[in-house]
Protein backbone atom coordinates (compact mmCIF):
# COMPACT_ATOMS: atom_id res chain seq x y z
CA MET A 1 0.05 -0.11 -0.03
CA ALA A 2 1.60 3.66 -1.13
CA ASP A 3 2.74 5.84 1.46
CA LYS A 4 -0.03 8.53 2.11
CA THR A 5 0.97 9.99 5.31
CA ILE A 6 2.82 13.63 4.86
CA LYS A 7 5.49 14.76 7.02
CA ILE A 8 5.51 19.00 7.69
CA ALA A 9 7.83 20.32 9.52
CA TYR A 10 6.28 23.36 11.07
CA LEU A 11 9.95 24.96 12.57
CA TYR A 12 9.75 27.27 15.91
CA GLU A 13 5.77 27.83 15.93
CA ASP A 14 5.41 28.73 19.56
CA LEU A 15 7.87 31.59 18.78
CA MET A 16 7.24 32.46 14.90
CA ASN A 17 3.39 32.83 14.70
CA THR A 18 3.39 36.79 14.57
CA TYR A 19 0.48 36.88 12.19
CA GLY A 20 -1.26 33.91 12.02
CA ASP A 21 1.07 32.18 9.29
CA SER A 22 -0.21 29.22 11.36
CA GLY A 23 -2.98 29.68 8.93
CA ASP A 24 -0.84 28.31 5.71
CA VAL A 25 0.04 25.17 7.56
CA LYS A 26 -3.77 24.28 7.64
CA ILE A 27 -4.78 25.52 4.80
CA ILE A 28 -2.22 23.00 2.36
CA GLN A 29 -3.45 19.83 4.95
CA PHE A 30 -6.59 20.44 3.79
CA TRP A 31 -5.54 21.22 -0.18
CA LEU A 32 -3.44 17.93 0.51
CA LYS A 33 -6.88 16.27 2.22
CA LYS A 34 -8.87 16.35 -1.11
CA GLN A 35 -6.14 15.01 -2.48
CA GLY A 36 -6.42 11.65 0.09
CA TYR A 37 -3.47 12.25 1.72
CA SER A 38 -3.26 12.67 4.91
CA SER A 39 -0.71 14.72 6.61
CA GLN A 40 0.76 15.20 10.00
CA VAL A 41 2.38 18.10 11.58
CA ALA A 42 6.30 18.48 13.86
CA ASN A 43 6.43 21.51 15.75
CA ILE A 44 10.24 21.68 15.54
CA SER A 45 11.14 24.38 18.27
CA LEU A 46 14.45 25.17 20.80
CA GLY A 47 16.60 22.75 21.41
CA ASP A 48 14.77 19.93 18.86
CA PRO A 49 16.22 17.26 17.13
CA PHE A 50 15.63 18.27 12.78
CA ASN A 51 16.38 16.13 9.91
CA ALA A 52 14.83 18.11 6.82
CA PHE A 53 14.92 15.58 4.21
CA ASP A 54 12.24 13.53 6.88
CA TYR A 55 9.57 15.63 6.00
CA ASP A 56 7.75 16.23 2.42
CA PHE A 57 7.43 20.35 3.56
CA VAL A 58 8.86 22.82 5.97
CA PHE A 59 6.88 25.73 6.64
CA PHE A 60 9.11 28.63 8.63
CA GLY A 61 6.81 31.67 10.03
CA GLY A 62 7.33 35.33 10.78
CA GLY A 63 8.19 36.76 14.37
CA GLN A 64 9.25 40.11 16.16
CA ASP A 65 12.43 41.16 16.49
CA PHE A 66 12.90 39.43 19.91
CA GLU A 67 11.59 36.27 18.46
CA GLN A 68 13.69 36.16 15.73
CA THR A 69 16.69 37.20 18.19
CA VAL A 70 16.49 33.88 20.11
CA VAL A 71 15.34 31.55 16.95
CA ALA A 72 18.47 33.00 15.26
CA LYS A 73 20.50 31.80 17.97
CA ASP A 74 19.22 28.43 18.00
CA LEU A 75 18.80 28.09 14.70
CA PRO A 76 22.84 27.12 13.10
CA ARG A 77 22.00 23.89 14.15
CA HIS A 78 19.90 22.96 11.16
CA LYS A 79 22.15 24.90 8.35
CA GLU A 80 23.70 22.21 7.30
CA THR A 81 20.69 19.85 7.14
CA LEU A 82 18.73 23.25 5.80
CA SER A 83 21.17 24.04 3.06
CA ALA A 84 21.35 20.87 1.37
CA TYR A 85 17.46 20.20 1.60
CA ILE A 86 16.51 23.58 0.12
CA LYS A 87 20.05 23.84 -2.79
CA ALA A 88 18.20 19.25 -3.46
CA GLY A 89 15.00 21.57 -4.47
CA ARG A 90 12.97 20.48 -1.61
CA PRO A 91 9.27 22.33 -0.83
CA MET A 92 9.61 24.78 1.71
CA LEU A 93 8.00 28.37 2.56
CA GLY A 94 9.57 30.77 4.10
CA VAL A 95 7.53 33.97 5.60
CA CYS A 96 8.19 36.98 6.24
CA GLY A 97 10.85 36.53 9.78
CA GLY A 98 10.92 33.02 7.93
CA TYR A 99 12.18 34.71 4.93
CA GLN A 100 14.98 36.78 6.35
CA LEU A 101 16.46 34.75 8.48
CA VAL A 102 17.54 31.86 4.97
CA GLY A 103 19.23 35.37 3.57
CA THR A 104 22.95 37.11 5.48
CA TYR A 105 22.08 39.36 7.81
CA TYR A 106 18.79 40.91 9.53
CA LYS A 107 19.77 44.57 10.67
CA THR A 108 16.74 45.66 13.28
CA ASN A 109 15.71 48.41 14.05
CA SER A 110 17.87 48.92 17.33
CA GLU A 111 20.99 48.44 14.65
CA VAL A 112 21.68 45.26 15.65
CA THR A 113 22.45 42.64 13.66
CA ILE A 114 20.86 38.78 13.42
CA LYS A 115 23.19 36.43 11.37
CA GLY A 116 20.97 34.09 9.28
CA LEU A 117 21.64 31.02 7.46
CA ASP A 118 23.24 32.77 4.78
CA ILE A 119 22.62 29.64 2.73
CA LEU A 120 20.95 32.17 0.12
CA PRO A 121 22.80 35.58 -0.87
CA PHE A 122 20.45 37.99 0.31
CA HIS A 123 19.71 40.56 3.28
CA THR A 124 17.49 42.26 5.56
CA VAL A 125 17.31 45.92 6.94
CA PHE A 126 15.20 47.78 8.97
CA LYS A 127 13.99 50.96 7.97
CA ALA A 128 11.73 52.87 10.76
CA ASP A 129 10.70 55.52 8.47
CA LYS A 130 9.26 53.35 6.02
CA ARG A 131 6.62 50.54 7.16
CA MET A 132 5.29 48.70 5.01
CA ILE A 133 2.06 47.70 5.47
CA GLY A 134 -1.64 46.91 3.88
CA ASP A 135 -2.90 45.13 0.66
CA THR A 136 -0.49 43.65 -1.47
CA ARG A 137 -0.73 42.37 -5.32
CA TYR A 138 1.72 40.25 -7.50
CA LEU A 139 1.94 38.66 -10.34
CA SER A 140 3.31 35.16 -9.78
CA GLU A 141 4.51 32.44 -12.29
CA TRP A 142 1.29 31.02 -11.14
CA GLY A 143 -1.01 33.79 -11.76
CA GLU A 144 -2.13 36.48 -9.81
CA VAL A 145 -1.43 36.16 -5.27
CA THR A 146 -3.84 39.07 -3.18
CA ALA A 147 -2.72 39.24 0.34
CA PHE A 148 -1.41 41.36 2.93
CA GLU A 149 2.35 42.51 4.25
CA ASN A 150 3.18 44.67 7.65
CA HIS A 151 6.58 45.11 7.71
CA SER A 152 9.48 47.44 8.12
CA GLY A 153 12.47 45.24 6.74
CA GLN A 154 13.43 45.38 3.52
CA THR A 155 15.43 42.21 1.73
CA TYR A 156 17.52 43.18 -1.38
CA PHE A 157 19.19 40.06 -3.76
CA ASP A 158 22.88 40.23 -3.30
CA ASP A 159 22.73 37.81 -6.30
CA GLN A 160 20.23 39.07 -8.77
CA ASP A 161 21.76 36.05 -11.25
CA LEU A 162 21.09 32.88 -8.62
CA LEU A 163 17.64 33.99 -7.07
CA GLU A 164 14.67 35.26 -8.56
CA PRO A 165 11.61 37.28 -7.24
CA LEU A 166 8.11 35.15 -6.54
CA GLY A 167 6.13 37.87 -7.89
CA LYS A 168 6.02 41.45 -9.30
CA MET A 169 4.27 44.32 -7.91
CA ILE A 170 0.88 45.31 -8.95
CA ALA A 171 0.26 46.56 -5.27
CA GLY A 172 2.24 47.79 -2.29
CA TYR A 173 5.50 47.26 -1.79
CA GLY A 174 6.80 43.31 -1.81
CA ASN A 175 10.61 43.20 -0.65
CA ASN A 176 11.22 46.86 -0.72
CA PRO A 177 9.83 50.46 -2.42
CA GLN A 178 12.69 50.32 -4.68
CA ASP A 179 12.81 46.88 -6.17
CA GLY A 180 9.07 46.28 -7.79
CA VAL A 181 8.86 42.79 -6.53
CA GLU A 182 7.45 40.73 -4.12
CA GLY A 183 9.60 37.83 -2.53
CA LEU A 184 11.94 34.92 -3.81
CA ARG A 185 12.21 31.64 -5.56
CA TYR A 186 14.90 29.78 -5.73
CA ARG A 187 14.44 26.39 -7.07
CA ASN A 188 11.57 24.97 -4.66
CA PHE A 189 12.12 27.48 -2.09
CA ILE A 190 9.66 30.27 -1.91
CA GLY A 191 10.18 33.27 0.46
CA THR A 192 7.84 35.60 1.15
CA TYR A 193 5.91 38.97 3.11
CA SER A 194 2.62 38.00 2.34
CA HIS A 195 0.32 37.21 5.19
CA GLY A 196 -3.14 36.45 5.22
CA PRO A 197 -2.53 34.04 4.49
CA LEU A 198 -0.54 33.46 1.11
CA LEU A 199 -2.60 30.32 0.61
CA LYS A 200 -5.34 31.66 0.20
CA ASN A 201 -4.37 32.17 -2.65
CA ARG A 202 -5.71 29.10 -4.58
CA ASN A 203 -3.41 29.00 -7.22
CA MET A 204 -0.36 29.23 -4.81
CA ALA A 205 -1.86 25.99 -3.08
CA THR A 206 -1.94 24.66 -6.41
CA ALA A 207 1.71 24.76 -6.70
CA ILE A 208 3.34 24.13 -3.47
CA SER A 209 0.82 21.12 -3.24
CA LYS A 210 2.69 19.47 -7.25
CA MET A 211 6.15 20.40 -5.30
CA ILE A 212 5.07 18.82 -1.77
CA LEU A 213 3.40 15.24 -3.32
CA SER A 214 6.36 15.39 -5.68
CA TRP A 215 8.84 15.06 -3.32
CA HIS A 216 7.26 13.27 -0.92
CA GLU A 217 6.92 10.20 -4.09
CA GLU A 218 10.95 10.56 -4.28
CA ARG A 219 11.41 10.13 -0.35
CA ILE A 220 9.24 7.09 0.21
CA SER A 221 10.38 5.12 -2.85
CA THR A 222 14.42 5.65 -1.56
CA LYS A 223 13.14 4.42 1.55
């Protein structure tokens, strides 16, 4: 009998869920159930062991500066497994803080530099004079996306040949006020500032579900 259970890792759910980003996990579970799959969610928090390749999907939500500082101290334990997982093209979604911490660093409003995992070449700087908040719309590979953003961190790509944006802005700010793009797409890693949650957009939920099921079939076939 085929393995019909999808394993989801939710990184730091107790600390990185400021804007109800757990809704993305609930929605993906709903879509998987419609396709005949059950799901198990493992909440990976401070001090917990973690091997990304044990899972079909990794989710990393957003948090405030203090929570990000706490998480950033624990997160380096997982750099090797997350780097290998992301670079192998396995599905992961990082929202806001969970997006920022995959990059090289995040400079806070108090000028403290939080080191990221340095898996992908981008960085984020807090700009107190420019809070980017409100409804947002952008055009992605999978069609138009509507969401909500609320952040003062401005994200910039350091290697635009390697990284591509998740979408081109129609309304709102996205990564920063200058570039006119939202989020990041690297293989099957998606980083975004889209709350609301993101996966209320059927096209995005469908795209990520396909990524998850493709990797699931490959993962269980190599057991």
